[in-house]
């Protein structure tokens, strides 16, 4: 993935998402459960400002960061993270046992190529945790504002990762109540795609914990996001 293939827009929305405490904890827990050793090499793919890397660091888990934006690279370096060259081919000793990527693939024009790149960074037996927005029917002004190329069906993302040579271990939709909230935003929300921080915090504190419980039932059917865990043979 080169810097020309990835661009941030709608940074105010990205900043607002840092207020989603329960949502972000859920994502970090999805990574933490796959940390099998304190020596495991971990990569944050599309690290941004280091929001998730910082949360992992609070748990004494320090990932490397791959981030194409030059200004954000400088910020990550200032925080003490190792920033990986987007285009470098890793040696066998530099491959990762765990890679996670949250809400990044939808920003990449050639997502199949990106999946193949991630597969090349994984060591045999390594794990990829991927989380993306779900279902084109939910595509709204918010997606346009933050530069999304697409939203994903679960089977579509599975196919992309299998084509990259990975084996699917877990695949499910997440946040089913968020599906209806996002659908409502599509038809009645802001035309400029702005997130209402107050409404976001209310949803995160009150609704998301219930939605997280319901996804056990709705995981194969629908949700606001897709979570896929895959491994490299």
C-alpha atoms as a PDB file:
ATOM      1  CA  UNK A   1       0.000   0.000   0.000  1.00  0.00           C
ATOM      2  CA  UNK A   2       1.517   3.325  -1.046  1.00  0.00           C
ATOM      3  CA  UNK A   3       0.676   6.729   0.385  1.00  0.00           C
ATOM      4  CA  UNK A   4      -0.949   7.688  -2.931  1.00  0.00           C
ATOM      5  CA  UNK A   5      -3.510   4.899  -2.468  1.00  0.00           C
ATOM      6  CA  UNK A   6      -4.658   6.071   0.936  1.00  0.00           C
ATOM      7  CA  UNK A   7      -5.942   9.445   2.060  1.00  0.00           C
ATOM      8  CA  UNK A   8      -7.620  10.758   5.210  1.00  0.00           C
ATOM      9  CA  UNK A   9     -10.616  13.028   4.927  1.00  0.00           C
ATOM     10  CA  UNK A  10     -13.174  13.971   7.535  1.00  0.00           C
ATOM     11  CA  UNK A  11     -10.610  14.019  10.322  1.00  0.00           C
ATOM     12  CA  UNK A  12     -13.136  15.618  12.679  1.00  0.00           C
ATOM     13  CA  UNK A  13     -15.196  12.424  12.474  1.00  0.00           C
ATOM     14  CA  UNK A  14     -12.108  10.337  13.198  1.00  0.00           C
ATOM     15  CA  UNK A  15     -11.401  12.516  16.229  1.00  0.00           C
ATOM     16  CA  UNK A  16     -15.019  12.112  17.398  1.00  0.00           C
ATOM     17  CA  UNK A  17     -14.644   8.323  17.367  1.00  0.00           C
ATOM     18  CA  UNK A  18     -12.032   8.541  20.107  1.00  0.00           C
ATOM     19  CA  UNK A  19     -14.988   9.313  22.414  1.00  0.00           C
ATOM     20  CA  UNK A  20     -16.516   5.881  21.710  1.00  0.00           C
ATOM     21  CA  UNK A  21     -14.997   4.238  24.795  1.00  0.00           C
ATOM     22  CA  UNK A  22     -16.939   0.949  24.783  1.00  0.00           C
ATOM     23  CA  UNK A  23     -16.647   0.560  21.011  1.00  0.00           C
ATOM     24  CA  UNK A  24     -12.881   1.069  21.069  1.00  0.00           C
ATOM     25  CA  UNK A  25     -12.454  -1.279  24.033  1.00  0.00           C
ATOM     26  CA  UNK A  26     -14.360  -3.963  22.120  1.00  0.00           C
ATOM     27  CA  UNK A  27     -11.917  -3.624  19.215  1.00  0.00           C
ATOM     28  CA  UNK A  28      -8.862  -3.776  21.454  1.00  0.00           C
ATOM     29  CA  UNK A  29     -10.248  -6.852  23.212  1.00  0.00           C
ATOM     30  CA  UNK A  30     -10.553  -8.480  19.763  1.00  0.00           C
ATOM     31  CA  UNK A  31      -6.795  -8.007  19.366  1.00  0.00           C
ATOM     32  CA  UNK A  32      -5.753  -8.796  22.928  1.00  0.00           C
ATOM     33  CA  UNK A  33      -7.352 -12.265  22.840  1.00  0.00           C
ATOM     34  CA  UNK A  34      -4.919 -13.238  20.057  1.00  0.00           C
ATOM     35  CA  UNK A  35      -1.783 -12.026  21.864  1.00  0.00           C
ATOM     36  CA  UNK A  36      -0.356 -15.412  22.776  1.00  0.00           C
ATOM     37  CA  UNK A  37       3.111 -14.326  23.899  1.00  0.00           C
ATOM     38  CA  UNK A  38       4.768 -11.157  25.243  1.00  0.00           C
ATOM     39  CA  UNK A  39       7.318 -11.531  22.436  1.00  0.00           C
ATOM     40  CA  UNK A  40       4.715 -11.683  19.655  1.00  0.00           C
ATOM     41  CA  UNK A  41       5.436  -9.204  16.849  1.00  0.00           C
ATOM     42  CA  UNK A  42       2.287  -7.137  16.242  1.00  0.00           C
ATOM     43  CA  UNK A  43       1.462  -4.648  13.496  1.00  0.00           C
ATOM     44  CA  UNK A  44      -1.175  -1.905  13.486  1.00  0.00           C
ATOM     45  CA  UNK A  45      -2.030  -1.555   9.777  1.00  0.00           C
ATOM     46  CA  UNK A  46      -3.294   1.963   9.073  1.00  0.00           C
ATOM     47  CA  UNK A  47      -2.398   3.197  12.547  1.00  0.00           C
ATOM     48  CA  UNK A  48      -3.556   6.792  12.056  1.00  0.00           C
ATOM     49  CA  UNK A  49      -2.852   8.857  15.155  1.00  0.00           C
ATOM     50  CA  UNK A  50      -2.105   5.720  17.164  1.00  0.00           C
ATOM     51  CA  UNK A  51      -5.473   5.546  18.927  1.00  0.00           C
ATOM     52  CA  UNK A  52      -5.512   1.744  19.093  1.00  0.00           C
ATOM     53  CA  UNK A  53      -1.755   1.387  19.482  1.00  0.00           C
ATOM     54  CA  UNK A  54      -1.994   3.664  22.536  1.00  0.00           C
ATOM     55  CA  UNK A  55      -4.782   1.546  24.027  1.00  0.00           C
ATOM     56  CA  UNK A  56      -2.729  -1.612  23.539  1.00  0.00           C
ATOM     57  CA  UNK A  57       0.337   0.092  25.006  1.00  0.00           C
ATOM     58  CA  UNK A  58      -1.690   0.709  28.184  1.00  0.00           C
ATOM     59  CA  UNK A  59      -1.903  -3.103  28.405  1.00  0.00           C
ATOM     60  CA  UNK A  60       1.878  -3.414  27.902  1.00  0.00           C
ATOM     61  CA  UNK A  61       1.377  -4.577  24.287  1.00  0.00           C
ATOM     62  CA  UNK A  62       3.473  -2.452  21.915  1.00  0.00           C
ATOM     63  CA  UNK A  63       2.732  -2.827  18.191  1.00  0.00           C
ATOM     64  CA  UNK A  64       4.713  -1.580  15.238  1.00  0.00           C
ATOM     65  CA  UNK A  65       2.748   0.891  13.125  1.00  0.00           C
ATOM     66  CA  UNK A  66       2.221   1.042   9.380  1.00  0.00           C
ATOM     67  CA  UNK A  67       0.847   4.436   8.365  1.00  0.00           C
ATOM     68  CA  UNK A  68       1.187   6.071   4.918  1.00  0.00           C
ATOM     69  CA  UNK A  69       0.452   9.654   6.000  1.00  0.00           C
ATOM     70  CA  UNK A  70       3.762  11.491   6.536  1.00  0.00           C
ATOM     71  CA  UNK A  71       2.471  13.825   9.261  1.00  0.00           C
ATOM     72  CA  UNK A  72       0.930  10.948  11.196  1.00  0.00           C
ATOM     73  CA  UNK A  73       4.166   8.985  10.829  1.00  0.00           C
ATOM     74  CA  UNK A  74       5.946  11.812  12.630  1.00  0.00           C
ATOM     75  CA  UNK A  75       3.336  11.767  15.398  1.00  0.00           C
ATOM     76  CA  UNK A  76       3.706   8.006  15.835  1.00  0.00           C
ATOM     77  CA  UNK A  77       7.482   8.311  15.963  1.00  0.00           C
ATOM     78  CA  UNK A  78       7.178  11.045  18.599  1.00  0.00           C
ATOM     79  CA  UNK A  79       5.164   8.587  20.710  1.00  0.00           C
ATOM     80  CA  UNK A  80       7.980   6.052  20.446  1.00  0.00           C
ATOM     81  CA  UNK A  81       6.446   3.587  17.997  1.00  0.00           C
ATOM     82  CA  UNK A  82       8.394   1.837  15.268  1.00  0.00           C
ATOM     83  CA  UNK A  83       6.915   3.016  11.953  1.00  0.00           C
ATOM     84  CA  UNK A  84       7.112   0.435   9.185  1.00  0.00           C
ATOM     85  CA  UNK A  85       7.837   1.373   5.565  1.00  0.00           C
ATOM     86  CA  UNK A  86       4.608   0.882   3.580  1.00  0.00           C
ATOM     87  CA  UNK A  87       6.415  -0.589   0.578  1.00  0.00           C
ATOM     88  CA  UNK A  88       9.233  -2.554   2.202  1.00  0.00           C
ATOM     89  CA  UNK A  89       9.346  -6.331   1.779  1.00  0.00           C
ATOM     90  CA  UNK A  90       9.961  -7.922   5.194  1.00  0.00           C
ATOM     91  CA  UNK A  91      12.575 -10.566   5.805  1.00  0.00           C
ATOM     92  CA  UNK A  92      11.448 -13.806   7.431  1.00  0.00           C
ATOM     93  CA  UNK A  93      12.583 -12.562  10.851  1.00  0.00           C
ATOM     94  CA  UNK A  94      10.576  -9.339  10.401  1.00  0.00           C
ATOM     95  CA  UNK A  95       7.221 -11.022   9.714  1.00  0.00           C
ATOM     96  CA  UNK A  96       4.383 -10.553  12.189  1.00  0.00           C
ATOM     97  CA  UNK A  97       2.524 -13.035  14.348  1.00  0.00           C
ATOM     98  CA  UNK A  98      -0.496 -10.725  14.609  1.00  0.00           C
ATOM     99  CA  UNK A  99      -1.760  -7.900  12.395  1.00  0.00           C
ATOM    100  CA  UNK A 100      -4.870  -5.861  13.097  1.00  0.00           C
ATOM    101  CA  UNK A 101      -6.580  -3.249  10.949  1.00  0.00           C
ATOM    102  CA  UNK A 102      -9.659  -1.315  12.061  1.00  0.00           C
ATOM    103  CA  UNK A 103     -11.756   0.701   9.604  1.00  0.00           C
ATOM    104  CA  UNK A 104      -8.941   1.012   7.067  1.00  0.00           C
ATOM    105  CA  UNK A 105      -9.662  -1.310   4.120  1.00  0.00           C
ATOM    106  CA  UNK A 106     -12.652   0.756   3.000  1.00  0.00           C
ATOM    107  CA  UNK A 107     -10.240   3.673   2.391  1.00  0.00           C
ATOM    108  CA  UNK A 108      -8.047   1.637   0.015  1.00  0.00           C
ATOM    109  CA  UNK A 109      -8.959   1.571  -3.674  1.00  0.00           C
ATOM    110  CA  UNK A 110      -7.361  -1.825  -4.387  1.00  0.00           C
ATOM    111  CA  UNK A 111      -8.362  -3.812  -1.325  1.00  0.00           C
ATOM    112  CA  UNK A 112      -7.375  -7.156  -2.859  1.00  0.00           C
ATOM    113  CA  UNK A 113      -3.821  -5.926  -3.289  1.00  0.00           C
ATOM    114  CA  UNK A 114      -3.848  -4.642   0.286  1.00  0.00           C
ATOM    115  CA  UNK A 115      -4.997  -8.056   1.555  1.00  0.00           C
ATOM    116  CA  UNK A 116      -2.165  -9.732  -0.336  1.00  0.00           C
ATOM    117  CA  UNK A 117       0.289  -7.266   1.159  1.00  0.00           C
ATOM    118  CA  UNK A 118      -0.952  -8.073   4.659  1.00  0.00           C
ATOM    119  CA  UNK A 119      -0.641 -11.793   3.941  1.00  0.00           C
ATOM    120  CA  UNK A 120       2.982 -11.223   2.900  1.00  0.00           C
ATOM    121  CA  UNK A 121       3.668  -9.519   6.241  1.00  0.00           C
ATOM    122  CA  UNK A 122       2.240 -12.421   8.276  1.00  0.00           C
ATOM    123  CA  UNK A 123       4.457 -15.287   9.331  1.00  0.00           C
ATOM    124  CA  UNK A 124       3.111 -18.847   8.888  1.00  0.00           C
ATOM    125  CA  UNK A 125       0.557 -19.447  11.625  1.00  0.00           C
ATOM    126  CA  UNK A 126       0.067 -15.694  12.082  1.00  0.00           C
ATOM    127  CA  UNK A 127      -3.323 -14.067  12.663  1.00  0.00           C
ATOM    128  CA  UNK A 128      -5.063 -11.147  10.951  1.00  0.00           C
ATOM    129  CA  UNK A 129      -7.895  -9.273  12.717  1.00  0.00           C
ATOM    130  CA  UNK A 130      -9.819  -7.094  10.264  1.00  0.00           C
ATOM    131  CA  UNK A 131     -12.762  -4.795  11.043  1.00  0.00           C
ATOM    132  CA  UNK A 132     -14.601  -2.757   8.403  1.00  0.00           C
ATOM    133  CA  UNK A 133     -17.949  -0.992   7.782  1.00  0.00           C
ATOM    134  CA  UNK A 134     -20.673  -3.359   6.606  1.00  0.00           C
ATOM    135  CA  UNK A 135     -23.269  -3.388   3.829  1.00  0.00           C
ATOM    136  CA  UNK A 136     -23.555  -0.980   0.902  1.00  0.00           C
ATOM    137  CA  UNK A 137     -27.171  -0.249   1.794  1.00  0.00           C
ATOM    138  CA  UNK A 138     -25.794   1.769   4.746  1.00  0.00           C
ATOM    139  CA  UNK A 139     -23.496   3.916   2.566  1.00  0.00           C
ATOM    140  CA  UNK A 140     -24.244   7.541   3.482  1.00  0.00           C
ATOM    141  CA  UNK A 141     -22.866  11.063   3.531  1.00  0.00           C
ATOM    142  CA  UNK A 142     -20.721   9.958   6.479  1.00  0.00           C
ATOM    143  CA  UNK A 143     -18.913   7.402   4.286  1.00  0.00           C
ATOM    144  CA  UNK A 144     -18.408  10.021   1.599  1.00  0.00           C
ATOM    145  CA  UNK A 145     -17.024  12.531   4.106  1.00  0.00           C
ATOM    146  CA  UNK A 146     -14.344  10.172   5.431  1.00  0.00           C
ATOM    147  CA  UNK A 147     -13.321   8.857   2.006  1.00  0.00           C
ATOM    148  CA  UNK A 148     -14.778   5.349   1.938  1.00  0.00           C
ATOM    149  CA  UNK A 149     -14.687   3.503  -1.378  1.00  0.00           C
ATOM    150  CA  UNK A 150     -17.147   0.870  -0.170  1.00  0.00           C
ATOM    151  CA  UNK A 151     -18.801  -1.012   2.672  1.00  0.00           C
ATOM    152  CA  UNK A 152     -18.501  -4.807   2.878  1.00  0.00           C
ATOM    153  CA  UNK A 153     -20.625  -7.912   2.918  1.00  0.00           C
ATOM    154  CA  UNK A 154     -19.218 -10.590   5.192  1.00  0.00           C
ATOM    155  CA  UNK A 155     -18.888 -13.117   2.346  1.00  0.00           C
ATOM    156  CA  UNK A 156     -17.190 -10.493   0.166  1.00  0.00           C
ATOM    157  CA  UNK A 157     -14.473  -9.841   2.740  1.00  0.00           C
ATOM    158  CA  UNK A 158     -14.038 -13.572   3.317  1.00  0.00           C
ATOM    159  CA  UNK A 159     -13.446 -14.057  -0.407  1.00  0.00           C
ATOM    160  CA  UNK A 160     -10.857 -11.268  -0.586  1.00  0.00           C
ATOM    161  CA  UNK A 161      -8.863 -12.778   2.279  1.00  0.00           C
ATOM    162  CA  UNK A 162      -9.099 -16.313   0.892  1.00  0.00           C
ATOM    163  CA  UNK A 163      -7.858 -15.023  -2.458  1.00  0.00           C
ATOM    164  CA  UNK A 164      -4.876 -13.599  -0.565  1.00  0.00           C
ATOM    165  CA  UNK A 165      -4.077 -17.111   0.690  1.00  0.00           C
ATOM    166  CA  UNK A 166      -5.538 -16.789   4.184  1.00  0.00           C
ATOM    167  CA  UNK A 167      -7.863 -19.156   6.039  1.00  0.00           C
ATOM    168  CA  UNK A 168     -10.980 -17.719   7.681  1.00  0.00           C
ATOM    169  CA  UNK A 169     -11.235 -18.551  11.385  1.00  0.00           C
ATOM    170  CA  UNK A 170     -14.057 -16.212  12.404  1.00  0.00           C
ATOM    171  CA  UNK A 171     -16.412 -14.048  10.348  1.00  0.00           C
ATOM    172  CA  UNK A 172     -19.395 -12.120  11.688  1.00  0.00           C
ATOM    173  CA  UNK A 173     -21.365  -8.925  11.536  1.00  0.00           C
ATOM    174  CA  UNK A 174     -21.109  -6.670  14.597  1.00  0.00           C
ATOM    175  CA  UNK A 175     -23.294  -4.016  16.215  1.00  0.00           C
ATOM    176  CA  UNK A 176     -26.781  -4.938  14.920  1.00  0.00           C
ATOM    177  CA  UNK A 177     -28.495  -2.004  16.623  1.00  0.00           C
ATOM    178  CA  UNK A 178     -25.910   0.206  14.941  1.00  0.00           C
ATOM    179  CA  UNK A 179     -27.244  -1.074  11.601  1.00  0.00           C
ATOM    180  CA  UNK A 180     -30.590   0.619  12.286  1.00  0.00           C
ATOM    181  CA  UNK A 181     -28.936   3.733  13.732  1.00  0.00           C
ATOM    182  CA  UNK A 182     -26.779   4.083  10.618  1.00  0.00           C
ATOM    183  CA  UNK A 183     -29.767   3.490   8.349  1.00  0.00           C
ATOM    184  CA  UNK A 184     -31.636   6.255  10.190  1.00  0.00           C
ATOM    185  CA  UNK A 185     -28.620   8.555   9.784  1.00  0.00           C
ATOM    186  CA  UNK A 186     -28.574   7.822   6.054  1.00  0.00           C
ATOM    187  CA  UNK A 187     -32.100   9.148   5.612  1.00  0.00           C
ATOM    188  CA  UNK A 188     -32.349  11.737   8.366  1.00  0.00           C
ATOM    189  CA  UNK A 189     -28.813  12.631   9.385  1.00  0.00           C
ATOM    190  CA  UNK A 190     -26.520  15.473   8.399  1.00  0.00           C
ATOM    191  CA  UNK A 191     -26.014  15.968   4.658  1.00  0.00           C
ATOM    192  CA  UNK A 192     -22.367  16.849   5.263  1.00  0.00           C
ATOM    193  CA  UNK A 193     -21.648  13.545   7.023  1.00  0.00           C
ATOM    194  CA  UNK A 194     -20.703  15.040  10.397  1.00  0.00           C
ATOM    195  CA  UNK A 195     -20.966  12.867  13.506  1.00  0.00           C
ATOM    196  CA  UNK A 196     -22.855  14.346  16.461  1.00  0.00           C
ATOM    197  CA  UNK A 197     -20.403  13.716  19.307  1.00  0.00           C
ATOM    198  CA  UNK A 198     -23.085  13.957  21.980  1.00  0.00           C
ATOM    199  CA  UNK A 199     -25.260  11.351  20.233  1.00  0.00           C
ATOM    200  CA  UNK A 200     -22.200   9.156  19.643  1.00  0.00           C
ATOM    201  CA  UNK A 201     -21.292   9.151  23.342  1.00  0.00           C
ATOM    202  CA  UNK A 202     -24.887   8.355  24.335  1.00  0.00           C
ATOM    203  CA  UNK A 203     -25.005   5.430  21.892  1.00  0.00           C
ATOM    204  CA  UNK A 204     -21.624   4.160  23.020  1.00  0.00           C
ATOM    205  CA  UNK A 205     -22.430   4.238  26.735  1.00  0.00           C
ATOM    206  CA  UNK A 206     -26.070   3.065  26.663  1.00  0.00           C
ATOM    207  CA  UNK A 207     -26.801   1.174  23.435  1.00  0.00           C
ATOM    208  CA  UNK A 208     -23.542  -0.403  22.274  1.00  0.00           C
ATOM    209  CA  UNK A 209     -23.177  -2.791  25.263  1.00  0.00           C
ATOM    210  CA  UNK A 210     -26.633  -4.238  24.430  1.00  0.00           C
ATOM    211  CA  UNK A 211     -25.821  -4.353  20.720  1.00  0.00           C
ATOM    212  CA  UNK A 212     -22.627  -6.269  21.496  1.00  0.00           C
ATOM    213  CA  UNK A 213     -24.682  -8.927  23.276  1.00  0.00           C
ATOM    214  CA  UNK A 214     -27.189  -9.211  20.419  1.00  0.00           C
ATOM    215  CA  UNK A 215     -24.503  -9.801  17.793  1.00  0.00           C
ATOM    216  CA  UNK A 216     -24.102 -13.340  19.122  1.00  0.00           C
ATOM    217  CA  UNK A 217     -27.507 -13.996  17.497  1.00  0.00           C
ATOM    218  CA  UNK A 218     -27.260 -11.703  14.460  1.00  0.00           C
ATOM    219  CA  UNK A 219     -23.596 -12.254  13.564  1.00  0.00           C
ATOM    220  CA  UNK A 220     -24.267 -14.201  10.368  1.00  0.00           C
ATOM    221  CA  UNK A 221     -27.146 -11.940   9.278  1.00  0.00           C
ATOM    222  CA  UNK A 222     -26.454  -8.202   9.557  1.00  0.00           C
ATOM    223  CA  UNK A 223     -24.717  -5.462  11.505  1.00  0.00           C
ATOM    224  CA  UNK A 224     -23.009  -2.094  11.138  1.00  0.00           C
ATOM    225  CA  UNK A 225     -19.551  -3.651  10.800  1.00  0.00           C
ATOM    226  CA  UNK A 226     -17.841  -6.869   9.770  1.00  0.00           C
ATOM    227  CA  UNK A 227     -15.192  -8.592  11.879  1.00  0.00           C
ATOM    228  CA  UNK A 228     -13.042 -11.263  10.239  1.00  0.00           C
ATOM    229  CA  UNK A 229     -10.186 -13.217  11.817  1.00  0.00           C
ATOM    230  CA  UNK A 230      -7.952 -15.130   9.423  1.00  0.00           C
ATOM    231  CA  UNK A 231      -4.716 -17.094   9.653  1.00  0.00           C
ATOM    232  CA  UNK A 232      -1.825 -17.872   7.334  1.00  0.00           C
ATOM    233  CA  UNK A 233      -1.022 -21.540   6.814  1.00  0.00           C
END
